[in-house]
Amino acid sequence: MRTLVSIFLILAAHASVAAAADLASLPRLDAARTTSVALPQTGVRGIQVSGGQLRLLATQNTSLGAPEETYRASILIVDANSGDSRTLSTEIDSYESGLAMAGGFLWSGGSLLGTREGLYQIRPSDGQVVNTLPGSGVHPGGLAYDGDYMWQVDANARKMFRIDLEDGKISRKVPTPAFYPTGLAFDGRSFWCADASTGRLYRMKAGNGEADGVVRQEAFYYPGEFVSVAFDGGALWVVSASEATAHRIEILR
């Protein structure tokens, strides 16, 4: 796994020149950090926010490339106001990334102990896995639910996949502007995709995935880091796996 990730990182580095050219043509989006919440640990590789609670996919992996055993995860719940936290027990196996809520369940991606990619359906009351669907790609990242389908980014394909949660079938593949996509969020109109290669956060059109803006570097800049993204109904939340802090970012339209 570490060798495979290293190859991805090398390819992403070579692609950074093209990425810089693409970035230069995109409108800059003004944004501001309005809230920061201290977390009890680093290694977050997925975030979902609702009702004033941050639900985090917490692992021991703080980098893009690490042995699979460091990907074993638990669900961590943090109160955005008080900072109080608790951990749910889980049955998740390995290589987890992404966290989203759909149909009253949490969903996360994993590799089923290295055998094949899967999408976990998790009971939010106790963190237990109740079902597993086929996953997308070979290097899955963030998840986002659009109200009808689950979307999952894949760093190897540089695409996001539309997944039917009834049977796990992939019904659409959309290119992303990111050369190494990690986090993904949907705000009801647009997708937001974090790119470890450029360290930037792109806004993407929901219809075709075309980038139509990039958040200014002053508010979001995480080159070479796995960053998770979520939407709370009014603003974005971001957290880097290397930091024990989640930030709420308001896009100033």
Protein backbone atom coordinates (compact mmCIF):
# COMPACT_ATOMS: atom_id res chain seq x y z
CA MET A 1 0.00 0.00 0.00
CA ARG A 2 2.81 2.40 0.88
CA THR A 3 4.49 1.80 -2.51
CA LEU A 4 1.23 2.40 -4.35
CA VAL A 5 0.62 5.66 -2.51
CA SER A 6 4.20 6.78 -3.23
CA ILE A 7 3.59 6.28 -6.94
CA PHE A 8 0.44 8.40 -6.72
CA LEU A 9 2.35 11.15 -4.93
CA ILE A 10 5.11 11.16 -7.54
CA LEU A 11 2.59 11.41 -10.36
CA ALA A 12 0.76 14.18 -8.50
CA ALA A 13 4.01 16.10 -8.07
CA HIS A 14 4.73 15.92 -11.79
CA ALA A 15 1.20 17.11 -12.49
CA SER A 16 1.56 20.14 -10.24
CA VAL A 17 2.83 22.33 -13.11
CA ALA A 18 -0.37 21.72 -15.06
CA ALA A 19 -2.37 22.22 -11.90
CA ALA A 20 -0.75 25.60 -11.33
CA ALA A 21 -1.76 26.67 -14.83
CA ASP A 22 -5.33 25.55 -14.21
CA LEU A 23 -5.42 27.36 -10.87
CA ALA A 24 -4.32 30.61 -12.46
CA SER A 25 -7.46 30.77 -14.57
CA LEU A 26 -9.95 30.06 -11.77
CA PRO A 27 -11.82 32.78 -9.87
CA ARG A 28 -10.59 33.18 -6.28
CA LEU A 29 -13.27 32.67 -3.63
CA ASP A 30 -13.07 34.82 -0.54
CA ALA A 31 -13.45 32.81 2.65
CA ALA A 32 -12.88 33.22 6.37
CA ARG A 33 -12.27 30.84 9.25
CA THR A 34 -14.97 31.57 11.82
CA THR A 35 -14.56 28.69 14.29
CA SER A 36 -11.81 26.29 15.30
CA VAL A 37 -12.47 23.23 17.46
CA ALA A 38 -9.70 21.34 19.23
CA LEU A 39 -9.84 17.58 18.68
CA PRO A 40 -8.55 14.87 21.02
CA GLN A 41 -6.30 13.36 18.35
CA THR A 42 -4.85 13.65 14.87
CA GLY A 43 -5.41 11.15 12.05
CA VAL A 44 -8.91 12.27 11.02
CA ARG A 45 -9.76 10.97 7.54
CA GLY A 46 -13.46 11.80 7.37
CA ILE A 47 -15.87 14.35 8.83
CA GLN A 48 -19.64 14.74 8.98
CA VAL A 49 -21.32 17.66 10.76
CA SER A 50 -24.91 18.06 11.93
CA GLY A 51 -26.76 19.28 15.00
CA GLY A 52 -23.69 20.98 16.41
CA GLN A 53 -21.76 17.70 16.46
CA LEU A 54 -18.63 16.78 14.54
CA ARG A 55 -18.51 13.11 13.65
CA LEU A 56 -14.98 12.13 12.74
CA LEU A 57 -13.41 9.03 11.26
CA ALA A 58 -10.41 8.79 13.58
CA THR A 59 -7.33 6.72 12.69
CA GLN A 60 -3.66 6.63 13.65
CA ASN A 61 -2.61 7.62 10.14
CA THR A 62 -1.54 11.25 9.83
CA SER A 63 0.00 11.12 6.34
CA LEU A 64 -0.95 10.19 2.79
CA GLY A 65 1.15 7.02 2.81
CA ALA A 66 1.28 4.59 5.74
CA PRO A 67 0.99 0.86 6.49
CA GLU A 68 -2.57 -0.44 6.33
CA GLU A 69 -2.71 -1.30 10.02
CA THR A 70 -2.60 2.42 10.86
CA TYR A 71 -5.86 2.97 9.00
CA ARG A 72 -8.02 1.09 11.51
CA ALA A 73 -10.63 3.55 12.63
CA SER A 74 -13.23 4.51 15.17
CA ILE A 75 -16.01 7.08 15.06
CA LEU A 76 -15.26 10.08 17.25
CA ILE A 77 -18.02 12.53 18.20
CA VAL A 78 -17.04 16.05 19.28
CA ASP A 79 -19.41 18.79 20.46
CA ALA A 80 -18.60 21.88 18.37
CA ASN A 81 -19.47 24.23 21.25
CA SER A 82 -18.07 22.56 24.36
CA GLY A 83 -15.36 20.42 22.78
CA ASP A 84 -16.55 17.38 24.74
CA SER A 85 -15.88 14.11 22.93
CA ARG A 86 -16.76 10.43 23.01
CA THR A 87 -15.85 7.43 20.91
CA LEU A 88 -18.18 4.90 19.32
CA SER A 89 -17.08 1.28 19.04
CA THR A 90 -16.74 0.08 15.45
CA GLU A 91 -16.19 -3.06 13.42
CA ILE A 92 -14.46 -1.26 10.56
CA ASP A 93 -11.49 -3.14 9.10
CA SER A 94 -8.76 -1.19 7.33
CA TYR A 95 -7.94 1.66 4.96
CA GLU A 96 -10.82 3.90 5.96
CA SER A 97 -11.52 7.31 4.49
CA GLY A 98 -14.56 9.51 4.13
CA LEU A 99 -17.62 9.94 6.33
CA ALA A 100 -21.15 11.00 5.35
CA MET A 101 -24.73 10.67 6.58
CA ALA A 102 -27.48 9.22 4.38
CA GLY A 103 -30.75 7.50 5.20
CA GLY A 104 -30.16 7.79 8.92
CA PHE A 105 -26.83 5.94 8.72
CA LEU A 106 -23.19 6.96 8.60
CA TRP A 107 -21.17 5.73 5.63
CA SER A 108 -17.43 5.24 5.25
CA GLY A 109 -15.06 3.64 2.76
CA GLY A 110 -12.57 0.83 3.37
CA SER A 111 -10.71 -2.08 1.80
CA LEU A 112 -12.20 -4.98 3.78
CA LEU A 113 -8.84 -6.03 5.20
CA GLY A 114 -7.16 -5.45 1.86
CA THR A 115 -9.36 -7.77 -0.21
CA ARG A 116 -11.53 -5.29 -2.11
CA GLU A 117 -12.89 -1.80 -1.74
CA GLY A 118 -16.12 -1.46 0.19
CA LEU A 119 -18.59 1.10 1.43
CA TYR A 120 -19.62 0.62 5.06
CA GLN A 121 -23.11 1.38 6.38
CA ILE A 122 -22.68 2.30 10.05
CA ARG A 123 -25.30 2.59 12.78
CA PRO A 124 -24.75 6.05 14.32
CA SER A 125 -25.97 5.06 17.80
CA ASP A 126 -23.14 2.61 18.49
CA GLY A 127 -20.84 2.65 15.45
CA GLN A 128 -21.61 -0.91 14.39
CA VAL A 129 -21.33 -1.85 10.71
CA VAL A 130 -24.70 -3.20 9.52
CA ASN A 131 -24.01 -3.63 5.80
CA THR A 132 -21.22 -3.36 3.26
CA LEU A 133 -21.58 -2.40 -0.40
CA PRO A 134 -19.00 -2.51 -3.19
CA GLY A 135 -16.77 0.56 -3.19
CA SER A 136 -15.26 2.60 -5.98
CA GLY A 137 -11.73 2.84 -7.37
CA VAL A 138 -8.52 1.63 -5.77
CA HIS A 139 -7.67 4.66 -3.64
CA PRO A 140 -10.98 6.03 -2.30
CA GLY A 141 -11.25 9.25 -0.32
CA GLY A 142 -14.01 11.61 0.82
CA LEU A 143 -17.74 10.96 0.64
CA ALA A 144 -20.63 13.36 0.02
CA TYR A 145 -24.37 12.68 -0.19
CA ASP A 146 -26.44 14.79 -2.58
CA GLY A 147 -29.87 13.68 -1.32
CA ASP A 148 -30.20 10.89 -3.86
CA TYR A 149 -26.77 9.36 -4.36
CA MET A 150 -23.50 8.96 -2.52
CA TRP A 151 -20.41 10.39 -4.21
CA GLN A 152 -16.88 9.17 -3.50
CA VAL A 153 -13.61 10.60 -4.78
CA ASP A 154 -10.73 8.37 -5.83
CA ALA A 155 -7.14 9.65 -5.89
CA ASN A 156 -5.98 7.12 -8.45
CA ALA A 157 -8.72 7.86 -10.99
CA ARG A 158 -8.89 11.59 -10.14
CA LYS A 159 -12.65 11.21 -10.39
CA MET A 160 -15.71 11.15 -8.19
CA PHE A 161 -18.07 8.21 -8.48
CA ARG A 162 -21.86 8.33 -8.06
CA ILE A 163 -22.99 5.31 -6.03
CA ASP A 164 -26.51 3.97 -5.60
CA LEU A 165 -26.88 3.05 -1.92
CA GLU A 166 -29.49 0.41 -2.72
CA ASP A 167 -27.05 -1.91 -4.46
CA GLY A 168 -23.66 -0.15 -4.55
CA LYS A 169 -23.69 0.20 -8.33
CA ILE A 170 -21.70 3.08 -9.83
CA SER A 171 -23.92 4.99 -12.24
CA ARG A 172 -21.63 7.90 -13.12
CA LYS A 173 -17.97 8.94 -13.08
CA VAL A 174 -17.04 12.62 -13.08
CA PRO A 175 -13.48 14.01 -13.41
CA THR A 176 -12.33 16.30 -10.61
CA PRO A 177 -9.93 19.25 -10.95
CA ALA A 178 -7.78 17.73 -8.20
CA PHE A 179 -4.66 15.70 -9.00
CA TYR A 180 -4.88 13.93 -5.62
CA PRO A 181 -8.44 14.40 -4.31
CA THR A 182 -9.01 13.62 -0.63
CA GLY A 183 -12.02 15.45 0.86
CA LEU A 184 -15.43 15.97 -0.72
CA ALA A 185 -18.52 17.93 0.37
CA PHE A 186 -21.83 18.96 -1.22
CA ASP A 187 -23.60 22.20 -0.23
CA GLY A 188 -26.83 21.66 -2.15
CA ARG A 189 -25.59 23.45 -5.25
CA SER A 190 -21.88 22.70 -5.66
CA PHE A 191 -19.29 20.11 -4.72
CA TRP A 192 -16.14 21.07 -2.83
CA CYS A 193 -13.01 18.99 -3.38
CA ALA A 194 -9.73 19.16 -1.46
CA ASP A 195 -6.54 18.45 -3.42
CA ALA A 196 -3.44 17.17 -1.63
CA SER A 197 -1.31 17.91 -4.71
CA THR A 198 -1.93 21.67 -4.85
CA GLY A 199 -3.14 22.03 -1.25
CA ARG A 200 -6.22 23.90 -2.50
CA LEU A 201 -10.00 23.60 -2.16
CA TYR A 202 -11.99 23.66 -5.42
CA ARG A 203 -15.64 24.46 -5.98
CA MET A 204 -17.14 22.23 -8.66
CA LYS A 205 -20.35 22.45 -10.67
CA ALA A 206 -22.76 19.71 -9.63
CA GLY A 207 -23.71 18.94 -13.22
CA ASN A 208 -20.32 18.14 -14.73
CA GLY A 209 -17.68 18.51 -12.00
CA GLU A 210 -16.06 21.47 -13.76
CA ALA A 211 -14.17 23.72 -11.34
CA ASP A 212 -15.61 27.24 -11.21
CA GLY A 213 -13.65 28.60 -8.27
CA VAL A 214 -10.87 27.96 -5.76
CA VAL A 215 -10.75 29.14 -2.14
CA ARG A 216 -8.09 31.75 -1.50
CA GLN A 217 -4.86 30.37 -0.12
CA GLU A 218 -5.14 32.49 3.06
CA ALA A 219 -8.18 30.46 4.18
CA PHE A 220 -7.25 27.00 2.87
CA TYR A 221 -3.79 25.70 1.99
CA TYR A 222 -2.74 22.12 2.85
CA PRO A 223 -0.18 20.89 0.29
CA GLY A 224 0.69 17.21 0.65
CA GLU A 225 -1.94 16.56 3.32
CA PHE A 226 -5.07 14.43 3.52
CA VAL A 227 -7.86 16.93 4.24
CA SER A 228 -11.48 15.99 4.92
CA VAL A 229 -14.35 18.36 4.11
CA ALA A 230 -18.00 18.58 5.23
CA PHE A 231 -20.91 21.01 4.91
CA ASP A 232 -23.05 21.86 7.96
CA GLY A 233 -25.88 23.61 6.15
CA GLY A 234 -24.26 27.03 6.22
CA ALA A 235 -20.49 26.66 5.97
CA LEU A 236 -17.71 24.16 5.32
CA TRP A 237 -15.72 22.28 7.93
CA VAL A 238 -12.18 21.11 7.13
CA VAL A 239 -9.70 19.01 9.07
CA SER A 240 -6.23 17.85 8.08
CA ALA A 241 -5.11 14.40 9.20
CA SER A 242 -1.89 15.93 10.53
CA GLU A 243 -3.66 18.39 12.84
CA ALA A 244 -5.87 17.98 15.90
CA THR A 245 -8.09 20.91 14.95
CA ALA A 246 -11.24 21.28 12.83
CA HIS A 247 -11.95 24.64 11.19
CA ARG A 248 -15.26 26.10 10.06
CA ILE A 249 -14.85 28.12 6.87
CA GLU A 250 -17.49 30.50 5.56
CA ILE A 251 -17.41 31.20 1.85
CA LEU A 252 -18.03 34.91 1.34
CA ARG A 253 -20.23 34.99 -1.73
